Amino acid sequence: MLSTNTDLALDPRLVQAIANPLFPALDNQLRAGRHISADELEQHSLLQEYYPELEAFYQRYHVELVRAPEGFYYLRPRSTSELGTSILSELEMLVGKVLCYLYLSPDRLINEGVFSLLDLQEEVLTLANEAALLRMVNQRAGGSDLDKRKLADKLKSAIRRLKRLGMVSAVGSQDKFRITEAVFRFAADVRSDEDPRELQLRMIKDGEAVAGHDQDEEQENEQ
């Protein structure tokens, strides 16, 4: 008679989780670096219900399934993981910080959480040093109209990248978006007793929004 190896038996709840029709797409999204917030109701509910089992499942791949204090989920590769990573650019990091600042602002309630690309551009130019911003686009930037158009294009690209990562979601037209709680990934270093919005503002103005971060906080997964 063949004996069974109970050590290799899968947890019945893990079987339920990975058998769920949503799991293949959700797994691909997580491995691609996407952050799953409560806005994605079904996927978020699946992660919430089976978090202990899925956390153990991803540990086998040397990847940590993180449940952030704000309630969103994402994968964080360990040094021994074979999951590829890429690092966000300085401008993308800055845009993430500004989005977090906007998320904490009264304007989010006034606008029902919806912002436009123009809102973002104005906020970035207001909060950050324009010369430093232009240097992120071109080290030799002199403030010409062409440099400013390039900056506007780079901001659009940054939003598209952060949208793929689940930090914002499209609303209606391409220029409108809603900020998700996943932007608090950019606030991991400001969870303290100090007012988070004031601290975010200071970091943006002091240029700390794009420097001095733990590498683990800057890396996003890619297939």
N, C-alpha and C. Protein backbone atom coordinates (compact mmCIF):
# COMPACT_ATOMS: atom_id res chain seq x y z
N MET A 1 0.86 -1.19 0.00
CA MET A 1 0.00 0.00 0.00
C MET A 1 0.89 1.23 0.00
N LEU A 2 0.52 2.22 -0.83
CA LEU A 2 1.28 3.46 -0.88
C LEU A 2 0.95 4.31 0.33
N SER A 3 1.95 4.84 0.94
CA SER A 3 1.73 5.72 2.10
C SER A 3 1.65 7.16 1.63
N THR A 4 0.94 7.94 2.34
CA THR A 4 0.80 9.37 2.02
C THR A 4 1.72 10.17 2.90
N ASN A 5 2.26 11.21 2.34
CA ASN A 5 3.14 12.11 3.10
C ASN A 5 2.32 13.32 3.54
N THR A 6 1.91 13.32 4.79
CA THR A 6 1.05 14.38 5.27
C THR A 6 1.76 15.72 5.31
N ASP A 7 3.12 15.69 5.32
CA ASP A 7 3.87 16.95 5.35
C ASP A 7 3.68 17.75 4.06
N LEU A 8 3.36 17.04 2.96
CA LEU A 8 3.19 17.70 1.67
C LEU A 8 1.74 18.12 1.41
N ALA A 9 0.85 17.76 2.32
CA ALA A 9 -0.56 18.10 2.13
C ALA A 9 -0.76 19.61 2.26
N LEU A 10 -1.57 20.13 1.37
CA LEU A 10 -1.84 21.56 1.40
C LEU A 10 -2.94 21.87 2.40
N ASP A 11 -2.81 23.02 3.04
CA ASP A 11 -3.85 23.51 3.94
C ASP A 11 -5.15 23.64 3.15
N PRO A 12 -6.25 23.07 3.66
CA PRO A 12 -7.52 23.15 2.92
C PRO A 12 -7.93 24.59 2.60
N ARG A 13 -7.64 25.50 3.50
CA ARG A 13 -8.01 26.90 3.23
C ARG A 13 -7.13 27.51 2.13
N LEU A 14 -5.86 27.09 2.07
CA LEU A 14 -5.00 27.54 0.98
C LEU A 14 -5.52 27.01 -0.35
N VAL A 15 -5.98 25.77 -0.34
CA VAL A 15 -6.56 25.19 -1.55
C VAL A 15 -7.77 26.02 -1.99
N GLN A 16 -8.59 26.41 -1.03
CA GLN A 16 -9.74 27.25 -1.36
C GLN A 16 -9.31 28.58 -1.96
N ALA A 17 -8.26 29.17 -1.39
CA ALA A 17 -7.79 30.48 -1.86
C ALA A 17 -7.28 30.40 -3.29
N ILE A 18 -6.39 29.44 -3.57
CA ILE A 18 -5.78 29.38 -4.90
C ILE A 18 -6.74 28.80 -5.93
N ALA A 19 -7.80 28.13 -5.48
CA ALA A 19 -8.82 27.63 -6.40
C ALA A 19 -9.83 28.70 -6.77
N ASN A 20 -9.80 29.81 -6.06
CA ASN A 20 -10.73 30.90 -6.35
C ASN A 20 -10.46 31.44 -7.77
N PRO A 21 -11.49 31.65 -8.57
CA PRO A 21 -11.29 32.14 -9.94
C PRO A 21 -10.54 33.48 -10.01
N LEU A 22 -10.55 34.25 -8.93
CA LEU A 22 -9.86 35.54 -8.91
C LEU A 22 -8.36 35.40 -8.70
N PHE A 23 -7.94 34.25 -8.15
CA PHE A 23 -6.55 34.15 -7.70
C PHE A 23 -5.50 34.28 -8.80
N PRO A 24 -5.64 33.63 -9.95
CA PRO A 24 -4.58 33.75 -10.97
C PRO A 24 -4.28 35.19 -11.37
N ALA A 25 -5.32 35.98 -11.62
CA ALA A 25 -5.11 37.38 -11.99
C ALA A 25 -4.53 38.17 -10.82
N LEU A 26 -5.04 37.89 -9.61
CA LEU A 26 -4.54 38.58 -8.41
C LEU A 26 -3.07 38.26 -8.19
N ASP A 27 -2.70 37.01 -8.34
CA ASP A 27 -1.30 36.59 -8.17
C ASP A 27 -0.40 37.31 -9.17
N ASN A 28 -0.84 37.40 -10.41
CA ASN A 28 -0.06 38.11 -11.44
C ASN A 28 0.10 39.58 -11.09
N GLN A 29 -0.97 40.19 -10.59
CA GLN A 29 -0.93 41.61 -10.22
C GLN A 29 0.06 41.84 -9.08
N LEU A 30 0.00 41.00 -8.07
CA LEU A 30 0.91 41.14 -6.93
C LEU A 30 2.36 40.95 -7.36
N ARG A 31 2.62 39.96 -8.20
CA ARG A 31 3.98 39.70 -8.66
C ARG A 31 4.50 40.82 -9.56
N ALA A 32 3.58 41.54 -10.19
CA ALA A 32 3.97 42.67 -11.04
C ALA A 32 4.15 43.96 -10.23
N GLY A 33 3.98 43.88 -8.89
CA GLY A 33 4.22 45.03 -8.03
C GLY A 33 2.98 45.82 -7.67
N ARG A 34 1.81 45.32 -8.04
CA ARG A 34 0.60 46.09 -7.76
C ARG A 34 0.24 46.03 -6.29
N HIS A 35 -0.25 47.14 -5.77
CA HIS A 35 -0.74 47.23 -4.40
C HIS A 35 -2.27 47.11 -4.45
N ILE A 36 -2.82 46.22 -3.65
CA ILE A 36 -4.26 45.95 -3.68
C ILE A 36 -4.93 46.67 -2.51
N SER A 37 -5.71 47.68 -2.84
CA SER A 37 -6.41 48.46 -1.81
C SER A 37 -7.88 48.07 -1.76
N ALA A 38 -8.60 48.66 -0.82
CA ALA A 38 -10.01 48.33 -0.62
C ALA A 38 -10.86 48.73 -1.82
N ASP A 39 -10.34 49.61 -2.70
CA ASP A 39 -11.08 49.98 -3.90
C ASP A 39 -11.32 48.77 -4.81
N GLU A 40 -10.38 47.81 -4.76
CA GLU A 40 -10.53 46.58 -5.55
C GLU A 40 -11.18 45.54 -4.64
N LEU A 41 -12.48 45.66 -4.51
CA LEU A 41 -13.23 44.99 -3.45
C LEU A 41 -13.03 43.48 -3.43
N GLU A 42 -13.22 42.82 -4.56
CA GLU A 42 -13.18 41.35 -4.57
C GLU A 42 -11.77 40.83 -4.27
N GLN A 43 -10.77 41.41 -4.94
CA GLN A 43 -9.39 40.97 -4.71
C GLN A 43 -8.95 41.24 -3.27
N HIS A 44 -9.33 42.43 -2.78
CA HIS A 44 -8.98 42.81 -1.41
C HIS A 44 -9.64 41.86 -0.41
N SER A 45 -10.91 41.50 -0.66
CA SER A 45 -11.63 40.60 0.24
C SER A 45 -10.98 39.22 0.27
N LEU A 46 -10.51 38.77 -0.91
CA LEU A 46 -9.83 37.47 -0.98
C LEU A 46 -8.56 37.48 -0.14
N LEU A 47 -7.77 38.53 -0.26
CA LEU A 47 -6.54 38.64 0.52
C LEU A 47 -6.84 38.75 2.01
N GLN A 48 -7.88 39.49 2.33
CA GLN A 48 -8.25 39.68 3.73
C GLN A 48 -8.70 38.37 4.37
N GLU A 49 -9.50 37.59 3.64
CA GLU A 49 -10.05 36.35 4.20
C GLU A 49 -8.98 35.27 4.36
N TYR A 50 -8.07 35.21 3.40
CA TYR A 50 -7.09 34.12 3.40
C TYR A 50 -5.67 34.62 3.66
N TYR A 51 -5.52 35.73 4.33
CA TYR A 51 -4.19 36.31 4.50
C TYR A 51 -3.19 35.35 5.16
N PRO A 52 -3.50 34.69 6.28
CA PRO A 52 -2.51 33.80 6.90
C PRO A 52 -2.04 32.70 5.96
N GLU A 53 -2.98 32.12 5.22
CA GLU A 53 -2.63 31.03 4.31
C GLU A 53 -1.81 31.54 3.13
N LEU A 54 -2.18 32.68 2.56
CA LEU A 54 -1.44 33.22 1.42
C LEU A 54 -0.09 33.78 1.85
N GLU A 55 -0.02 34.29 3.06
CA GLU A 55 1.27 34.76 3.58
C GLU A 55 2.26 33.60 3.63
N ALA A 56 1.80 32.44 4.13
CA ALA A 56 2.65 31.25 4.18
C ALA A 56 2.98 30.75 2.77
N PHE A 57 2.02 30.85 1.87
CA PHE A 57 2.22 30.42 0.48
C PHE A 57 3.34 31.21 -0.18
N TYR A 58 3.35 32.52 -0.03
CA TYR A 58 4.37 33.35 -0.68
C TYR A 58 5.73 33.24 0.01
N GLN A 59 5.74 32.85 1.29
CA GLN A 59 7.02 32.66 1.97
C GLN A 59 7.85 31.58 1.31
N ARG A 60 7.19 30.62 0.66
CA ARG A 60 7.90 29.54 -0.02
C ARG A 60 8.73 30.09 -1.19
N TYR A 61 8.35 31.25 -1.69
CA TYR A 61 9.07 31.88 -2.80
C TYR A 61 10.01 32.99 -2.31
N HIS A 62 10.22 33.03 -0.98
CA HIS A 62 11.06 34.06 -0.36
C HIS A 62 10.52 35.46 -0.66
N VAL A 63 9.21 35.57 -0.59
CA VAL A 63 8.52 36.84 -0.81
C VAL A 63 7.55 37.05 0.34
N GLU A 64 7.49 38.26 0.84
CA GLU A 64 6.60 38.58 1.96
C GLU A 64 5.33 39.24 1.46
N LEU A 65 4.19 38.67 1.82
CA LEU A 65 2.90 39.31 1.54
C LEU A 65 2.63 40.27 2.69
N VAL A 66 2.71 41.56 2.41
CA VAL A 66 2.60 42.58 3.45
C VAL A 66 1.18 43.10 3.53
N ARG A 67 0.67 43.18 4.76
CA ARG A 67 -0.61 43.86 5.01
C ARG A 67 -0.26 45.15 5.74
N ALA A 68 -0.33 46.27 5.04
CA ALA A 68 0.06 47.56 5.60
C ALA A 68 -0.95 48.01 6.66
N PRO A 69 -0.54 48.87 7.59
CA PRO A 69 -1.46 49.36 8.62
C PRO A 69 -2.71 50.03 8.04
N GLU A 70 -2.59 50.60 6.84
CA GLU A 70 -3.74 51.26 6.21
C GLU A 70 -4.66 50.28 5.50
N GLY A 71 -4.29 48.99 5.48
CA GLY A 71 -5.19 47.98 4.96
C GLY A 71 -4.92 47.48 3.55
N PHE A 72 -3.92 48.01 2.85
CA PHE A 72 -3.63 47.52 1.51
C PHE A 72 -2.57 46.42 1.58
N TYR A 73 -2.47 45.66 0.50
CA TYR A 73 -1.56 44.51 0.44
C TYR A 73 -0.59 44.65 -0.72
N TYR A 74 0.62 44.12 -0.55
CA TYR A 74 1.59 44.08 -1.64
C TYR A 74 2.65 43.03 -1.31
N LEU A 75 3.40 42.63 -2.34
CA LEU A 75 4.49 41.68 -2.15
C LEU A 75 5.81 42.42 -1.99
N ARG A 76 6.61 41.97 -1.03
CA ARG A 76 7.92 42.56 -0.81
C ARG A 76 8.96 41.43 -0.89
N PRO A 77 9.78 41.45 -1.94
CA PRO A 77 10.77 40.37 -2.10
C PRO A 77 11.88 40.46 -1.08
N ARG A 78 12.37 39.33 -0.64
CA ARG A 78 13.54 39.28 0.24
C ARG A 78 14.80 39.19 -0.62
N SER A 79 15.92 39.30 0.02
CA SER A 79 17.19 39.28 -0.72
C SER A 79 17.41 37.96 -1.44
N THR A 80 16.80 36.88 -0.92
CA THR A 80 16.97 35.56 -1.53
C THR A 80 15.90 35.26 -2.59
N SER A 81 15.01 36.20 -2.82
CA SER A 81 13.93 35.98 -3.78
C SER A 81 14.44 36.08 -5.21
N GLU A 82 13.83 35.29 -6.09
CA GLU A 82 14.15 35.38 -7.50
C GLU A 82 13.20 36.32 -8.23
N LEU A 83 12.29 36.93 -7.49
CA LEU A 83 11.36 37.87 -8.09
C LEU A 83 12.10 39.16 -8.44
N GLY A 84 12.01 39.57 -9.70
CA GLY A 84 12.75 40.76 -10.14
C GLY A 84 12.23 42.03 -9.50
N THR A 85 13.10 43.00 -9.38
CA THR A 85 12.70 44.29 -8.81
C THR A 85 13.23 45.43 -9.67
N SER A 86 12.57 46.57 -9.53
CA SER A 86 13.07 47.80 -10.14
C SER A 86 12.89 48.92 -9.13
N ILE A 87 13.63 49.97 -9.30
CA ILE A 87 13.57 51.08 -8.34
C ILE A 87 12.88 52.26 -8.98
N LEU A 88 11.98 52.86 -8.25
CA LEU A 88 11.28 54.04 -8.74
C LEU A 88 12.27 55.18 -8.94
N SER A 89 12.01 55.98 -9.96
CA SER A 89 12.88 57.13 -10.22
C SER A 89 12.66 58.20 -9.16
N GLU A 90 13.56 59.18 -9.11
CA GLU A 90 13.42 60.29 -8.16
C GLU A 90 12.09 61.00 -8.36
N LEU A 91 11.74 61.26 -9.62
CA LEU A 91 10.49 61.98 -9.88
C LEU A 91 9.28 61.15 -9.48
N GLU A 92 9.31 59.85 -9.73
CA GLU A 92 8.20 58.98 -9.34
C GLU A 92 8.05 58.95 -7.82
N MET A 93 9.18 58.92 -7.11
CA MET A 93 9.13 58.97 -5.65
C MET A 93 8.52 60.29 -5.18
N LEU A 94 8.92 61.37 -5.80
CA LEU A 94 8.39 62.69 -5.42
C LEU A 94 6.90 62.76 -5.69
N VAL A 95 6.47 62.28 -6.86
CA VAL A 95 5.04 62.29 -7.18
C VAL A 95 4.27 61.45 -6.16
N GLY A 96 4.84 60.31 -5.76
CA GLY A 96 4.19 59.50 -4.73
C GLY A 96 4.02 60.24 -3.43
N LYS A 97 5.06 60.98 -3.03
CA LYS A 97 4.97 61.79 -1.80
C LYS A 97 3.90 62.87 -1.92
N VAL A 98 3.84 63.52 -3.09
CA VAL A 98 2.84 64.58 -3.29
C VAL A 98 1.43 63.98 -3.29
N LEU A 99 1.27 62.81 -3.90
CA LEU A 99 -0.03 62.15 -3.88
C LEU A 99 -0.46 61.82 -2.46
N CYS A 100 0.50 61.39 -1.64
CA CYS A 100 0.20 61.10 -0.24
C CYS A 100 -0.23 62.38 0.48
N TYR A 101 0.46 63.47 0.18
CA TYR A 101 0.11 64.78 0.76
C TYR A 101 -1.31 65.17 0.34
N LEU A 102 -1.65 64.96 -0.94
CA LEU A 102 -2.99 65.29 -1.42
C LEU A 102 -4.05 64.40 -0.77
N TYR A 103 -3.69 63.14 -0.56
CA TYR A 103 -4.62 62.21 0.07
C TYR A 103 -5.00 62.69 1.47
N LEU A 104 -4.04 63.29 2.16
CA LEU A 104 -4.28 63.78 3.52
C LEU A 104 -4.91 65.17 3.56
N SER A 105 -5.06 65.81 2.40
CA SER A 105 -5.51 67.19 2.36
C SER A 105 -7.05 67.29 2.41
N PRO A 106 -7.57 68.43 2.88
CA PRO A 106 -9.02 68.65 2.87
C PRO A 106 -9.60 68.62 1.47
N ASP A 107 -8.78 68.93 0.46
CA ASP A 107 -9.26 68.94 -0.91
C ASP A 107 -9.78 67.58 -1.34
N ARG A 108 -9.26 66.52 -0.76
CA ARG A 108 -9.71 65.18 -1.14
C ARG A 108 -11.18 64.98 -0.79
N LEU A 109 -11.59 65.52 0.35
CA LEU A 109 -13.00 65.42 0.75
C LEU A 109 -13.86 66.33 -0.11
N ILE A 110 -13.34 67.52 -0.39
CA ILE A 110 -14.10 68.48 -1.20
C ILE A 110 -14.33 67.93 -2.60
N ASN A 111 -13.30 67.30 -3.17
CA ASN A 111 -13.38 66.78 -4.54
C ASN A 111 -13.86 65.34 -4.60
N GLU A 112 -14.35 64.81 -3.48
CA GLU A 112 -14.77 63.41 -3.40
C GLU A 112 -13.64 62.47 -3.82
N GLY A 113 -12.44 62.87 -3.49
CA GLY A 113 -11.28 62.03 -3.74
C GLY A 113 -10.74 62.05 -5.14
N VAL A 114 -11.32 62.87 -6.01
CA VAL A 114 -10.91 62.90 -7.42
C VAL A 114 -10.01 64.10 -7.69
N PHE A 115 -8.88 63.85 -8.36
CA PHE A 115 -7.96 64.91 -8.76
C PHE A 115 -7.69 64.78 -10.25
N SER A 116 -7.14 65.85 -10.82
CA SER A 116 -6.77 65.83 -12.23
C SER A 116 -5.26 65.91 -12.35
N LEU A 117 -4.77 65.62 -13.53
CA LEU A 117 -3.34 65.72 -13.79
C LEU A 117 -2.87 67.16 -13.59
N LEU A 118 -3.71 68.11 -13.95
CA LEU A 118 -3.38 69.53 -13.75
C LEU A 118 -3.25 69.84 -12.26
N ASP A 119 -4.15 69.28 -11.45
CA ASP A 119 -4.05 69.46 -9.99
C ASP A 119 -2.69 68.97 -9.49
N LEU A 120 -2.28 67.81 -9.98
CA LEU A 120 -1.01 67.24 -9.56
C LEU A 120 0.15 68.13 -9.99
N GLN A 121 0.14 68.58 -11.24
CA GLN A 121 1.23 69.42 -11.75
C GLN A 121 1.36 70.69 -10.92
N GLU A 122 0.22 71.32 -10.64
CA GLU A 122 0.25 72.56 -9.85
C GLU A 122 0.78 72.31 -8.45
N GLU A 123 0.36 71.18 -7.85
CA GLU A 123 0.79 70.88 -6.48
C GLU A 123 2.28 70.57 -6.45
N VAL A 124 2.76 69.81 -7.43
CA VAL A 124 4.18 69.49 -7.48
C VAL A 124 5.01 70.76 -7.63
N LEU A 125 4.60 71.65 -8.54
CA LEU A 125 5.34 72.89 -8.77
C LEU A 125 5.27 73.82 -7.57
N THR A 126 4.16 73.75 -6.82
CA THR A 126 4.00 74.60 -5.64
C THR A 126 4.86 74.10 -4.48
N LEU A 127 4.89 72.79 -4.29
CA LEU A 127 5.54 72.21 -3.12
C LEU A 127 7.03 71.99 -3.29
N ALA A 128 7.45 71.67 -4.52
CA ALA A 128 8.85 71.31 -4.75
C ALA A 128 9.58 72.44 -5.48
N ASN A 129 10.89 72.40 -5.41
CA ASN A 129 11.72 73.39 -6.07
C ASN A 129 11.72 73.12 -7.58
N GLU A 130 11.29 74.12 -8.37
CA GLU A 130 11.15 73.92 -9.82
C GLU A 130 12.49 73.59 -10.47
N ALA A 131 13.55 74.25 -10.06
CA ALA A 131 14.86 73.99 -10.65
C ALA A 131 15.28 72.55 -10.41
N ALA A 132 15.02 72.06 -9.19
CA ALA A 132 15.37 70.67 -8.87
C ALA A 132 14.52 69.70 -9.69
N LEU A 133 13.25 70.06 -9.87
CA LEU A 133 12.37 69.22 -10.69
C LEU A 133 12.87 69.11 -12.12
N LEU A 134 13.24 70.25 -12.69
CA LEU A 134 13.71 70.27 -14.07
C LEU A 134 15.00 69.47 -14.22
N ARG A 135 15.84 69.49 -13.19
CA ARG A 135 17.08 68.71 -13.26
C ARG A 135 16.81 67.21 -13.24
N MET A 136 15.66 66.80 -12.67
CA MET A 136 15.29 65.40 -12.72
C MET A 136 14.98 64.96 -14.15
N VAL A 137 14.55 65.93 -14.96
CA VAL A 137 14.23 65.65 -16.36
C VAL A 137 15.46 65.79 -17.23
N ASN A 138 16.26 66.82 -16.96
CA ASN A 138 17.45 67.12 -17.76
C ASN A 138 18.46 67.85 -16.88
N GLN A 139 19.62 67.25 -16.69
CA GLN A 139 20.64 67.85 -15.81
C GLN A 139 21.04 69.25 -16.27
N ARG A 140 20.88 69.54 -17.55
CA ARG A 140 21.26 70.85 -18.08
C ARG A 140 20.05 71.77 -18.29
N ALA A 141 18.92 71.40 -17.69
CA ALA A 141 17.71 72.19 -17.88
C ALA A 141 17.91 73.63 -17.40
N GLY A 142 17.44 74.56 -18.24
CA GLY A 142 17.59 75.97 -17.89
C GLY A 142 16.28 76.67 -17.63
N GLY A 143 15.18 75.91 -17.62
CA GLY A 143 13.89 76.51 -17.33
C GLY A 143 13.14 76.95 -18.57
N SER A 144 13.54 76.47 -19.74
CA SER A 144 12.87 76.85 -20.99
C SER A 144 11.49 76.20 -21.06
N ASP A 145 10.68 76.70 -22.00
CA ASP A 145 9.34 76.11 -22.19
C ASP A 145 9.45 74.64 -22.57
N LEU A 146 10.49 74.30 -23.33
CA LEU A 146 10.68 72.90 -23.72
C LEU A 146 10.96 72.04 -22.49
N ASP A 147 11.79 72.54 -21.59
CA ASP A 147 12.08 71.81 -20.35
C ASP A 147 10.80 71.58 -19.54
N LYS A 148 9.95 72.60 -19.49
CA LYS A 148 8.72 72.49 -18.71
C LYS A 148 7.74 71.51 -19.34
N ARG A 149 7.73 71.47 -20.69
CA ARG A 149 6.87 70.49 -21.37
C ARG A 149 7.38 69.08 -21.12
N LYS A 150 8.69 68.92 -21.10
CA LYS A 150 9.27 67.61 -20.79
C LYS A 150 8.91 67.18 -19.36
N LEU A 151 8.93 68.14 -18.45
CA LEU A 151 8.57 67.85 -17.06
C LEU A 151 7.11 67.39 -16.99
N ALA A 152 6.23 68.09 -17.72
CA ALA A 152 4.81 67.72 -17.73
C ALA A 152 4.63 66.30 -18.27
N ASP A 153 5.38 65.95 -19.30
CA ASP A 153 5.31 64.60 -19.88
C ASP A 153 5.81 63.56 -18.87
N LYS A 154 6.88 63.91 -18.15
CA LYS A 154 7.42 62.99 -17.15
C LYS A 154 6.44 62.77 -16.00
N LEU A 155 5.71 63.83 -15.64
CA LEU A 155 4.70 63.68 -14.58
C LEU A 155 3.58 62.76 -15.04
N LYS A 156 3.19 62.87 -16.31
CA LYS A 156 2.18 61.96 -16.85
C LYS A 156 2.66 60.52 -16.80
N SER A 157 3.94 60.33 -17.16
CA SER A 157 4.51 58.98 -17.13
C SER A 157 4.55 58.44 -15.71
N ALA A 158 4.88 59.32 -14.74
CA ALA A 158 4.94 58.91 -13.34
C ALA A 158 3.57 58.46 -12.86
N ILE A 159 2.53 59.19 -13.23
CA ILE A 159 1.17 58.82 -12.84
C ILE A 159 0.79 57.48 -13.45
N ARG A 160 1.16 57.27 -14.72
CA ARG A 160 0.85 55.99 -15.36
C ARG A 160 1.54 54.84 -14.63
N ARG A 161 2.79 55.06 -14.24
CA ARG A 161 3.53 54.02 -13.50
C ARG A 161 2.86 53.74 -12.16
N LEU A 162 2.50 54.78 -11.45
CA LEU A 162 1.89 54.60 -10.13
C LEU A 162 0.48 54.03 -10.25
N LYS A 163 -0.17 54.28 -11.37
CA LYS A 163 -1.48 53.68 -11.61
C LYS A 163 -1.34 52.17 -11.76
N ARG A 164 -0.28 51.74 -12.48
CA ARG A 164 -0.06 50.30 -12.65
C ARG A 164 0.24 49.64 -11.31
N LEU A 165 0.83 50.40 -10.40
CA LEU A 165 1.17 49.87 -9.07
C LEU A 165 0.01 49.96 -8.08
N GLY A 166 -1.13 50.52 -8.52
CA GLY A 166 -2.31 50.57 -7.66
C GLY A 166 -2.37 51.77 -6.73
N MET A 167 -1.52 52.78 -6.95
CA MET A 167 -1.51 53.97 -6.10
C MET A 167 -2.66 54.93 -6.45
N VAL A 168 -3.05 54.93 -7.71
CA VAL A 168 -4.18 55.74 -8.16
C VAL A 168 -5.04 54.89 -9.09
N SER A 169 -6.29 55.27 -9.24
CA SER A 169 -7.18 54.58 -10.17
C SER A 169 -7.84 55.62 -11.07
N ALA A 170 -8.03 55.25 -12.33
CA ALA A 170 -8.60 56.17 -13.31
C ALA A 170 -10.06 56.45 -12.99
N VAL A 171 -10.47 57.68 -13.25
CA VAL A 171 -11.87 58.08 -13.07
C VAL A 171 -12.31 58.83 -14.33
N GLY A 172 -13.20 58.24 -15.09
CA GLY A 172 -13.70 58.92 -16.29
C GLY A 172 -12.60 59.16 -17.31
N SER A 173 -12.29 60.43 -17.55
CA SER A 173 -11.29 60.79 -18.56
C SER A 173 -9.90 60.39 -18.09
N GLN A 174 -8.96 60.36 -19.02
CA GLN A 174 -7.60 59.94 -18.71
C GLN A 174 -6.90 60.90 -17.75
N ASP A 175 -7.35 62.14 -17.68
CA ASP A 175 -6.68 63.13 -16.83
C ASP A 175 -7.19 63.13 -15.39
N LYS A 176 -8.22 62.33 -15.10
CA LYS A 176 -8.80 62.30 -13.76
C LYS A 176 -8.41 61.00 -13.06
N PHE A 177 -8.18 61.09 -11.78
CA PHE A 177 -7.83 59.88 -11.03
C PHE A 177 -8.24 60.04 -9.57
N ARG A 178 -8.37 58.90 -8.91
CA ARG A 178 -8.65 58.87 -7.47
C ARG A 178 -7.44 58.25 -6.79
N ILE A 179 -7.00 58.87 -5.70
CA ILE A 179 -5.83 58.37 -4.96
C ILE A 179 -6.29 57.29 -3.99
N THR A 180 -5.60 56.16 -3.97
CA THR A 180 -5.94 55.07 -3.06
C THR A 180 -5.06 55.14 -1.80
N GLU A 181 -5.47 54.40 -0.79
CA GLU A 181 -4.69 54.40 0.45
C GLU A 181 -3.32 53.77 0.28
N ALA A 182 -3.09 53.11 -0.87
CA ALA A 182 -1.78 52.51 -1.12
C ALA A 182 -0.67 53.55 -1.20
N VAL A 183 -1.01 54.84 -1.38
CA VAL A 183 0.05 55.86 -1.42
C VAL A 183 0.74 55.99 -0.07
N PHE A 184 0.15 55.41 0.98
CA PHE A 184 0.83 55.44 2.28
C PHE A 184 2.09 54.59 2.28
N ARG A 185 2.32 53.86 1.19
CA ARG A 185 3.62 53.20 1.01
C ARG A 185 4.72 54.25 1.01
N PHE A 186 4.39 55.46 0.57
CA PHE A 186 5.36 56.55 0.54
C PHE A 186 5.41 57.30 1.87
N ALA A 187 4.63 56.84 2.84
CA ALA A 187 4.61 57.50 4.15
C ALA A 187 5.13 56.58 5.24
N ALA A 188 5.75 55.47 4.84
CA ALA A 188 6.23 54.51 5.83
C ALA A 188 7.25 55.13 6.78
N ASP A 189 7.94 56.19 6.29
CA ASP A 189 8.96 56.81 7.13
C ASP A 189 8.43 58.01 7.91
N VAL A 190 7.11 58.25 7.86
CA VAL A 190 6.57 59.39 8.59
C VAL A 190 5.47 58.97 9.56
N ARG A 191 5.41 57.67 9.86
CA ARG A 191 4.42 57.23 10.85
C ARG A 191 4.94 57.56 12.23
N SER A 192 4.54 58.69 12.75
CA SER A 192 5.01 59.14 14.06
C SER A 192 3.91 59.98 14.67
N ASP A 193 4.21 60.58 15.83
CA ASP A 193 3.21 61.41 16.50
C ASP A 193 3.04 62.76 15.81
N GLU A 194 3.99 63.13 14.95
CA GLU A 194 3.90 64.41 14.26
C GLU A 194 2.79 64.36 13.21
N ASP A 195 2.16 65.52 12.95
CA ASP A 195 1.10 65.59 11.95
C ASP A 195 1.64 65.07 10.61
N PRO A 196 1.03 64.00 10.05
CA PRO A 196 1.60 63.39 8.84
C PRO A 196 1.61 64.32 7.64
N ARG A 197 0.60 65.19 7.52
CA ARG A 197 0.57 66.08 6.36
C ARG A 197 1.67 67.12 6.45
N GLU A 198 1.88 67.66 7.64
CA GLU A 198 2.95 68.65 7.82
C GLU A 198 4.32 68.01 7.60
N LEU A 199 4.47 66.77 8.06
CA LEU A 199 5.75 66.09 7.89
C LEU A 199 6.01 65.77 6.42
N GLN A 200 4.96 65.35 5.70
CA GLN A 200 5.11 65.10 4.27
C GLN A 200 5.51 66.39 3.55
N LEU A 201 4.86 67.49 3.90
CA LEU A 201 5.16 68.77 3.26
C LEU A 201 6.61 69.17 3.50
N ARG A 202 7.08 69.00 4.73
CA ARG A 202 8.46 69.36 5.03
C ARG A 202 9.45 68.51 4.25
N MET A 203 9.16 67.22 4.16
CA MET A 203 10.06 66.33 3.43
C MET A 203 10.12 66.69 1.95
N ILE A 204 8.98 67.05 1.37
CA ILE A 204 8.94 67.43 -0.04
C ILE A 204 9.75 68.70 -0.26
N LYS A 205 9.53 69.69 0.59
CA LYS A 205 10.22 70.97 0.42
C LYS A 205 11.71 70.86 0.70
N ASP A 206 12.09 69.96 1.63
CA ASP A 206 13.50 69.80 1.97
C ASP A 206 14.24 68.86 1.03
N GLY A 207 13.48 68.29 0.09
CA GLY A 207 14.10 67.36 -0.85
C GLY A 207 14.28 65.97 -0.28
N GLU A 208 13.70 65.69 0.89
CA GLU A 208 13.85 64.38 1.51
C GLU A 208 12.90 63.35 0.91
N ALA A 209 12.02 63.82 0.03
CA ALA A 209 11.06 62.91 -0.57
C ALA A 209 11.72 61.95 -1.55
N VAL A 210 12.93 62.28 -1.99
CA VAL A 210 13.58 61.45 -3.00
C VAL A 210 14.95 60.96 -2.53
N ALA A 211 15.23 61.07 -1.25
CA ALA A 211 16.54 60.63 -0.77
C ALA A 211 16.42 60.04 0.62
N GLY A 212 17.34 59.13 0.93
CA GLY A 212 17.43 58.62 2.29
C GLY A 212 16.42 57.56 2.65
N HIS A 213 15.77 56.93 1.63
CA HIS A 213 14.78 55.92 1.94
C HIS A 213 15.42 54.55 2.02
N ASP A 214 14.80 53.70 2.81
CA ASP A 214 15.17 52.29 2.84
C ASP A 214 14.94 51.73 1.44
N GLN A 215 15.93 50.99 0.92
CA GLN A 215 15.79 50.42 -0.42
C GLN A 215 14.53 49.58 -0.51
N ASP A 216 14.17 48.93 0.60
CA ASP A 216 13.01 48.08 0.59
C ASP A 216 11.75 48.85 0.30
N GLU A 217 11.72 50.12 0.67
CA GLU A 217 10.54 50.94 0.44
C GLU A 217 10.49 51.47 -0.98
N GLU A 218 11.61 51.48 -1.69
CA GLU A 218 11.62 52.03 -3.02
C GLU A 218 11.43 50.99 -4.10
N GLN A 219 11.63 49.71 -3.75
CA GLN A 219 11.61 48.71 -4.78
C GLN A 219 10.20 48.23 -5.03
N GLU A 220 9.91 48.01 -6.33
CA GLU A 220 8.63 47.46 -6.75
C GLU A 220 8.91 46.20 -7.55
N ASN A 221 8.01 45.22 -7.43
CA ASN A 221 8.22 43.96 -8.13
C ASN A 221 7.88 44.10 -9.60
N GLU A 222 8.62 43.36 -10.41
CA GLU A 222 8.29 43.27 -11.83
C GLU A 222 8.43 41.83 -12.25
N GLN A 223 7.61 41.43 -13.21
CA GLN A 223 7.72 40.09 -13.75
C GLN A 223 9.06 39.95 -14.45
